[in-house]
C-alpha atoms as a PDB file:
ATOM      1  CA  MET A   1    -108.075  33.055  94.231  1.00  0.00           C
ATOM      2  CA  LYS A   2    -110.039  35.717  92.306  1.00  0.00           C
ATOM      3  CA  HIS A   3    -106.894  36.562  90.323  1.00  0.00           C
ATOM      4  CA  ALA A   4    -106.423  32.892  89.384  1.00  0.00           C
ATOM      5  CA  LEU A   5    -110.047  32.596  88.203  1.00  0.00           C
ATOM      6  CA  TRP A   6    -109.783  35.816  86.191  1.00  0.00           C
ATOM      7  CA  SER A   7    -106.522  34.631  84.571  1.00  0.00           C
ATOM      8  CA  THR A   8    -108.035  31.250  83.731  1.00  0.00           C
ATOM      9  CA  GLY A   9    -111.086  32.918  82.185  1.00  0.00           C
ATOM     10  CA  LEU A  10    -108.921  35.281  80.129  1.00  0.00           C
ATOM     11  CA  ALA A  11    -106.701  32.410  78.958  1.00  0.00           C
ATOM     12  CA  THR A  12    -109.778  30.422  77.927  1.00  0.00           C
ATOM     13  CA  LEU A  13    -111.186  33.385  76.009  1.00  0.00           C
ATOM     14  CA  LEU A  14    -107.904  33.952  74.187  1.00  0.00           C
ATOM     15  CA  ALA A  15    -107.533  30.251  73.378  1.00  0.00           C
ATOM     16  CA  THR A  16    -111.005  29.959  71.874  1.00  0.00           C
ATOM     17  CA  GLY A  17    -110.532  32.989  69.644  1.00  0.00           C
ATOM     18  CA  PRO A  18    -113.091  35.551  68.618  1.00  0.00           C
ATOM     19  CA  LEU A  19    -116.790  34.819  68.299  1.00  0.00           C
ATOM     20  CA  TYR A  20    -116.537  35.677  64.615  1.00  0.00           C
ATOM     21  CA  GLY A  21    -113.846  33.846  62.739  1.00  0.00           C
ATOM     22  CA  ARG A  22    -113.450  35.658  59.421  1.00  0.00           C
ATOM     23  CA  ASP A  23    -114.024  39.107  58.050  1.00  0.00           C
ATOM     24  CA  CYS A  24    -114.724  40.364  54.541  1.00  0.00           C
ATOM     25  CA  ARG A  25    -115.197  44.043  53.716  1.00  0.00           C
ATOM     26  CA  GLY A  26    -115.643  44.791  57.419  1.00  0.00           C
ATOM     27  CA  ILE A  27    -118.389  42.182  57.890  1.00  0.00           C
ATOM     28  CA  ALA A  28    -117.641  39.400  60.360  1.00  0.00           C
ATOM     29  CA  PHE A  29    -118.885  35.833  60.015  1.00  0.00           C
ATOM     30  CA  PRO A  30    -118.536  32.966  62.511  1.00  0.00           C
ATOM     31  CA  GLU A  31    -116.369  29.963  61.645  1.00  0.00           C
ATOM     32  CA  HIS A  32    -119.266  27.589  62.417  1.00  0.00           C
ATOM     33  CA  VAL A  33    -123.062  27.621  62.416  1.00  0.00           C
ATOM     34  CA  SER A  34    -125.526  24.987  63.566  1.00  0.00           C
ATOM     35  CA  VAL A  35    -128.327  24.096  61.165  1.00  0.00           C
ATOM     36  CA  HIS A  36    -130.974  21.628  62.357  1.00  0.00           C
ATOM     37  CA  GLY A  37    -128.431  20.159  64.782  1.00  0.00           C
ATOM     38  CA  THR A  38    -125.685  19.824  62.162  1.00  0.00           C
ATOM     39  CA  ASN A  39    -122.449  21.750  62.628  1.00  0.00           C
ATOM     40  CA  LEU A  40    -121.443  23.533  59.421  1.00  0.00           C
ATOM     41  CA  ALA A  41    -118.052  25.154  58.838  1.00  0.00           C
ATOM     42  CA  LEU A  42    -117.353  28.324  56.893  1.00  0.00           C
ATOM     43  CA  ASN A  43    -116.156  27.283  53.436  1.00  0.00           C
ATOM     44  CA  GLY A  44    -115.506  30.783  52.146  1.00  0.00           C
ATOM     45  CA  LEU A  45    -116.510  34.417  51.749  1.00  0.00           C
ATOM     46  CA  GLY A  46    -117.028  36.334  48.522  1.00  0.00           C
ATOM     47  CA  VAL A  47    -118.218  39.723  47.306  1.00  0.00           C
ATOM     48  CA  ARG A  48    -120.956  40.196  44.700  1.00  0.00           C
ATOM     49  CA  LYS A  49    -119.942  42.990  42.368  1.00  0.00           C
ATOM     50  CA  ALA A  50    -122.364  44.528  39.870  1.00  0.00           C
ATOM     51  CA  THR A  51    -122.203  46.779  36.829  1.00  0.00           C
ATOM     52  CA  LEU A  52    -119.152  47.863  34.880  1.00  0.00           C
ATOM     53  CA  PHE A  53    -118.109  49.926  37.896  1.00  0.00           C
ATOM     54  CA  LYS A  54    -117.776  46.795  40.097  1.00  0.00           C
ATOM     55  CA  VAL A  55    -120.131  48.131  42.772  1.00  0.00           C
ATOM     56  CA  ASN A  56    -120.200  45.906  45.871  1.00  0.00           C
ATOM     57  CA  VAL A  57    -123.716  44.556  46.497  1.00  0.00           C
ATOM     58  CA  TYR A  58    -123.318  41.912  49.210  1.00  0.00           C
ATOM     59  CA  VAL A  59    -120.822  39.708  50.999  1.00  0.00           C
ATOM     60  CA  ALA A  60    -121.711  36.015  50.797  1.00  0.00           C
ATOM     61  CA  ALA A  61    -120.740  33.313  53.304  1.00  0.00           C
ATOM     62  CA  LEU A  62    -121.063  29.612  52.489  1.00  0.00           C
ATOM     63  CA  TYR A  63    -121.231  26.997  55.255  1.00  0.00           C
ATOM     64  CA  VAL A  64    -120.897  23.243  54.611  1.00  0.00           C
ATOM     65  CA  PRO A  65    -120.212  20.075  56.661  1.00  0.00           C
ATOM     66  CA  SER A  66    -116.682  19.620  55.231  1.00  0.00           C
ATOM     67  CA  PRO A  67    -114.953  22.606  53.593  1.00  0.00           C
ATOM     68  CA  THR A  68    -113.552  22.019  50.122  1.00  0.00           C
ATOM     69  CA  HIS A  69    -112.363  23.912  47.068  1.00  0.00           C
ATOM     70  CA  ASP A  70    -114.304  21.561  44.755  1.00  0.00           C
ATOM     71  CA  PRO A  71    -117.548  23.179  43.529  1.00  0.00           C
ATOM     72  CA  GLN A  72    -119.013  19.823  42.433  1.00  0.00           C
ATOM     73  CA  ALA A  73    -118.625  18.449  45.962  1.00  0.00           C
ATOM     74  CA  LEU A  74    -120.367  21.550  47.324  1.00  0.00           C
ATOM     75  CA  LEU A  75    -123.238  21.111  44.871  1.00  0.00           C
ATOM     76  CA  SER A  76    -123.873  17.578  46.125  1.00  0.00           C
ATOM     77  CA  SER A  77    -126.934  16.906  48.229  1.00  0.00           C
ATOM     78  CA  GLY A  78    -125.365  17.710  51.636  1.00  0.00           C
ATOM     79  CA  PRO A  79    -126.717  20.398  53.978  1.00  0.00           C
ATOM     80  CA  SER A  80    -125.450  23.948  53.580  1.00  0.00           C
ATOM     81  CA  GLU A  81    -126.173  27.543  54.463  1.00  0.00           C
ATOM     82  CA  LEU A  82    -125.612  30.570  52.260  1.00  0.00           C
ATOM     83  CA  THR A  83    -125.822  33.992  53.898  1.00  0.00           C
ATOM     84  CA  LEU A  84    -125.892  37.221  51.910  1.00  0.00           C
ATOM     85  CA  GLN A  85    -125.051  40.368  53.932  1.00  0.00           C
ATOM     86  CA  PHE A  86    -126.014  43.387  51.828  1.00  0.00           C
ATOM     87  CA  VAL A  87    -123.635  46.351  51.717  1.00  0.00           C
ATOM     88  CA  ARG A  88    -125.942  48.458  49.549  1.00  0.00           C
ATOM     89  CA  SER A  89    -129.701  48.735  49.178  1.00  0.00           C
ATOM     90  CA  VAL A  90    -131.342  46.687  46.412  1.00  0.00           C
ATOM     91  CA  SER A  91    -134.949  46.960  45.258  1.00  0.00           C
ATOM     92  CA  GLY A  92    -137.280  43.990  45.220  1.00  0.00           C
ATOM     93  CA  LYS A  93    -137.483  44.350  41.442  1.00  0.00           C
ATOM     94  CA  GLN A  94    -133.693  44.116  41.129  1.00  0.00           C
ATOM     95  CA  MET A  95    -133.683  41.010  43.342  1.00  0.00           C
ATOM     96  CA  ARG A  96    -136.374  39.325  41.236  1.00  0.00           C
ATOM     97  CA  GLU A  97    -134.494  40.109  38.023  1.00  0.00           C
ATOM     98  CA  ALA A  98    -131.253  38.775  39.515  1.00  0.00           C
ATOM     99  CA  TRP A  99    -132.855  35.488  40.643  1.00  0.00           C
ATOM    100  CA  THR A 100    -134.497  34.909  37.277  1.00  0.00           C
ATOM    101  CA  GLU A 101    -131.256  35.673  35.410  1.00  0.00           C
ATOM    102  CA  GLY A 102    -129.258  33.426  37.751  1.00  0.00           C
ATOM    103  CA  PHE A 103    -131.573  30.464  37.268  1.00  0.00           C
ATOM    104  CA  GLU A 104    -131.705  30.990  33.499  1.00  0.00           C
ATOM    105  CA  LYS A 105    -127.884  30.872  33.361  1.00  0.00           C
ATOM    106  CA  THR A 106    -127.816  27.782  35.572  1.00  0.00           C
ATOM    107  CA  ALA A 107    -130.384  25.900  33.497  1.00  0.00           C
ATOM    108  CA  LYS A 108    -128.718  24.323  30.495  1.00  0.00           C
ATOM    109  CA  ASP A 109    -131.842  24.624  28.302  1.00  0.00           C
ATOM    110  CA  HIS A 110    -135.450  25.798  28.272  1.00  0.00           C
ATOM    111  CA  ALA A 111    -136.766  22.471  29.592  1.00  0.00           C
ATOM    112  CA  ALA A 112    -134.449  22.634  32.600  1.00  0.00           C
ATOM    113  CA  PHE A 113    -135.589  26.177  33.411  1.00  0.00           C
ATOM    114  CA  SER A 114    -139.248  25.221  32.896  1.00  0.00           C
ATOM    115  CA  ALA A 115    -138.893  22.539  35.579  1.00  0.00           C
ATOM    116  CA  LEU A 116    -137.774  25.241  38.037  1.00  0.00           C
ATOM    117  CA  GLU A 117    -139.828  28.201  36.842  1.00  0.00           C
ATOM    118  CA  GLN A 118    -142.783  27.942  39.245  1.00  0.00           C
ATOM    119  CA  ARG A 119    -140.419  27.611  42.225  1.00  0.00           C
ATOM    120  CA  VAL A 120    -138.337  30.571  40.978  1.00  0.00           C
ATOM    121  CA  GLU A 121    -141.596  32.558  40.909  1.00  0.00           C
ATOM    122  CA  THR A 122    -142.230  31.525  44.534  1.00  0.00           C
ATOM    123  CA  LEU A 123    -138.773  32.796  45.513  1.00  0.00           C
ATOM    124  CA  ASN A 124    -139.366  36.016  43.576  1.00  0.00           C
ATOM    125  CA  GLY A 125    -142.676  36.485  45.390  1.00  0.00           C
ATOM    126  CA  TRP A 126    -140.811  36.676  48.695  1.00  0.00           C
ATOM    127  CA  MET A 127    -138.474  39.425  47.523  1.00  0.00           C
ATOM    128  CA  THR A 128    -138.903  42.927  48.883  1.00  0.00           C
ATOM    129  CA  ASP A 129    -136.568  45.903  49.007  1.00  0.00           C
ATOM    130  CA  ILE A 130    -133.389  45.008  50.870  1.00  0.00           C
ATOM    131  CA  GLU A 131    -131.563  47.700  52.815  1.00  0.00           C
ATOM    132  CA  SER A 132    -127.836  47.903  53.378  1.00  0.00           C
ATOM    133  CA  GLY A 133    -127.007  45.887  56.507  1.00  0.00           C
ATOM    134  CA  GLN A 134    -129.802  43.350  56.041  1.00  0.00           C
ATOM    135  CA  ARG A 135    -129.234  39.642  55.476  1.00  0.00           C
ATOM    136  CA  MET A 136    -130.780  36.852  53.476  1.00  0.00           C
ATOM    137  CA  THR A 137    -130.152  33.290  54.614  1.00  0.00           C
ATOM    138  CA  PHE A 138    -130.733  30.162  52.562  1.00  0.00           C
ATOM    139  CA  VAL A 139    -130.515  26.724  54.188  1.00  0.00           C
ATOM    140  CA  ARG A 140    -130.359  23.616  52.029  1.00  0.00           C
ATOM    141  CA  THR A 141    -131.754  20.521  53.706  1.00  0.00           C
ATOM    142  CA  PRO A 142    -131.320  17.315  51.680  1.00  0.00           C
ATOM    143  CA  GLY A 143    -134.640  15.771  50.702  1.00  0.00           C
ATOM    144  CA  THR A 144    -136.472  18.984  51.572  1.00  0.00           C
ATOM    145  CA  GLY A 145    -135.143  21.925  49.561  1.00  0.00           C
ATOM    146  CA  ILE A 146    -134.108  25.502  50.386  1.00  0.00           C
ATOM    147  CA  SER A 147    -135.471  27.417  53.382  1.00  0.00           C
ATOM    148  CA  VAL A 148    -135.464  31.173  52.891  1.00  0.00           C
ATOM    149  CA  GLU A 149    -135.130  33.854  55.564  1.00  0.00           C
ATOM    150  CA  VAL A 150    -135.065  37.569  54.783  1.00  0.00           C
ATOM    151  CA  ASN A 151    -133.614  39.780  57.518  1.00  0.00           C
ATOM    152  CA  GLY A 152    -134.565  37.314  60.243  1.00  0.00           C
ATOM    153  CA  THR A 153    -138.094  36.643  58.924  1.00  0.00           C
ATOM    154  CA  PRO A 154    -138.742  33.098  57.666  1.00  0.00           C
ATOM    155  CA  LYS A 155    -140.402  33.173  54.244  1.00  0.00           C
ATOM    156  CA  GLY A 156    -140.824  29.455  53.620  1.00  0.00           C
ATOM    157  CA  THR A 157    -139.186  26.463  51.985  1.00  0.00           C
ATOM    158  CA  ILE A 158    -138.897  25.833  48.275  1.00  0.00           C
ATOM    159  CA  PRO A 159    -138.990  22.071  47.730  1.00  0.00           C
ATOM    160  CA  GLY A 160    -136.685  19.873  45.734  1.00  0.00           C
ATOM    161  CA  ASP A 161    -133.063  18.812  45.654  1.00  0.00           C
ATOM    162  CA  ASP A 162    -133.048  19.849  41.980  1.00  0.00           C
ATOM    163  CA  PHE A 163    -134.002  23.389  42.973  1.00  0.00           C
ATOM    164  CA  ALA A 164    -131.371  23.435  45.753  1.00  0.00           C
ATOM    165  CA  ARG A 165    -128.629  22.329  43.344  1.00  0.00           C
ATOM    166  CA  ALA A 166    -129.684  24.894  40.714  1.00  0.00           C
ATOM    167  CA  PHE A 167    -129.857  27.595  43.387  1.00  0.00           C
ATOM    168  CA  LEU A 168    -126.306  26.983  44.632  1.00  0.00           C
ATOM    169  CA  SER A 169    -125.098  26.674  41.038  1.00  0.00           C
ATOM    170  CA  ILE A 170    -125.859  30.379  40.624  1.00  0.00           C
ATOM    171  CA  TRP A 171    -122.703  31.036  42.683  1.00  0.00           C
ATOM    172  CA  LEU A 172    -120.749  27.792  42.245  1.00  0.00           C
ATOM    173  CA  GLY A 173    -121.604  26.830  38.659  1.00  0.00           C
ATOM    174  CA  ASP A 174    -120.055  27.753  35.332  1.00  0.00           C
ATOM    175  CA  ALA A 175    -121.529  31.282  35.124  1.00  0.00           C
ATOM    176  CA  PRO A 176    -121.359  32.967  38.574  1.00  0.00           C
ATOM    177  CA  PRO A 177    -122.359  36.641  38.885  1.00  0.00           C
ATOM    178  CA  ASN A 178    -118.636  37.477  39.055  1.00  0.00           C
ATOM    179  CA  PRO A 179    -115.635  35.107  39.177  1.00  0.00           C
ATOM    180  CA  GLU A 180    -114.199  36.632  42.370  1.00  0.00           C
ATOM    181  CA  LEU A 181    -117.406  35.747  44.215  1.00  0.00           C
ATOM    182  CA  LYS A 182    -117.145  32.083  43.261  1.00  0.00           C
ATOM    183  CA  ASP A 183    -113.426  32.022  44.089  1.00  0.00           C
ATOM    184  CA  GLY A 184    -114.097  33.488  47.535  1.00  0.00           C
ATOM    185  CA  LEU A 185    -116.873  30.999  48.328  1.00  0.00           C
ATOM    186  CA  LEU A 186    -114.499  28.194  47.327  1.00  0.00           C
ATOM    187  CA  GLY A 187    -112.071  29.346  50.019  1.00  0.00           C
ATOM    188  CA  GLY A 188    -110.068  31.894  48.014  1.00  0.00           C
ATOM    189  CA  ASN A 189    -109.536  35.545  48.814  1.00  0.00           C
ATOM    190  CA  CYS A 190    -112.497  37.737  49.621  1.00  0.00           C
ATOM    191  CA  ASP A 191    -112.097  40.346  46.882  1.00  0.00           C
END
């Protein structure tokens, strides 16, 4: 009887697969996460590379209700979660500069950036030095905005669907930090 129970348990474990579904650069991410009672599926994984030397900064994981390769569908007002797992340390100053640059590229003109500027400053105010191995998590809730968590510590929510769309456009828009990152988040290879 004990052997039968052990075999059944082992078969169940093997059938359900590993706790973490996909791996990128040695960092494992689950296939699904639950956000405010909504099940989100892993859409893709990508690596942020910086400088001319293509230094790896973080691995990003994007979770959405229905995976797709269409960036415009992902930028719609549905819920999502973006997790950044850092593979190198980054100063708070570097983070603030990166956010400001990302939003400036996303905004099509000065007026568009001006509408976001105060909220970008709020996000920048939450940035501290990030150590290798730490995570940032951003949850988009339609009608609410983006909730920010830095290494497990909730920082707050930045309001507005316009801010949430601009935020995700940093990675999924026309000028991502590096094309391989966008490709990976859209379900391509994690390079």
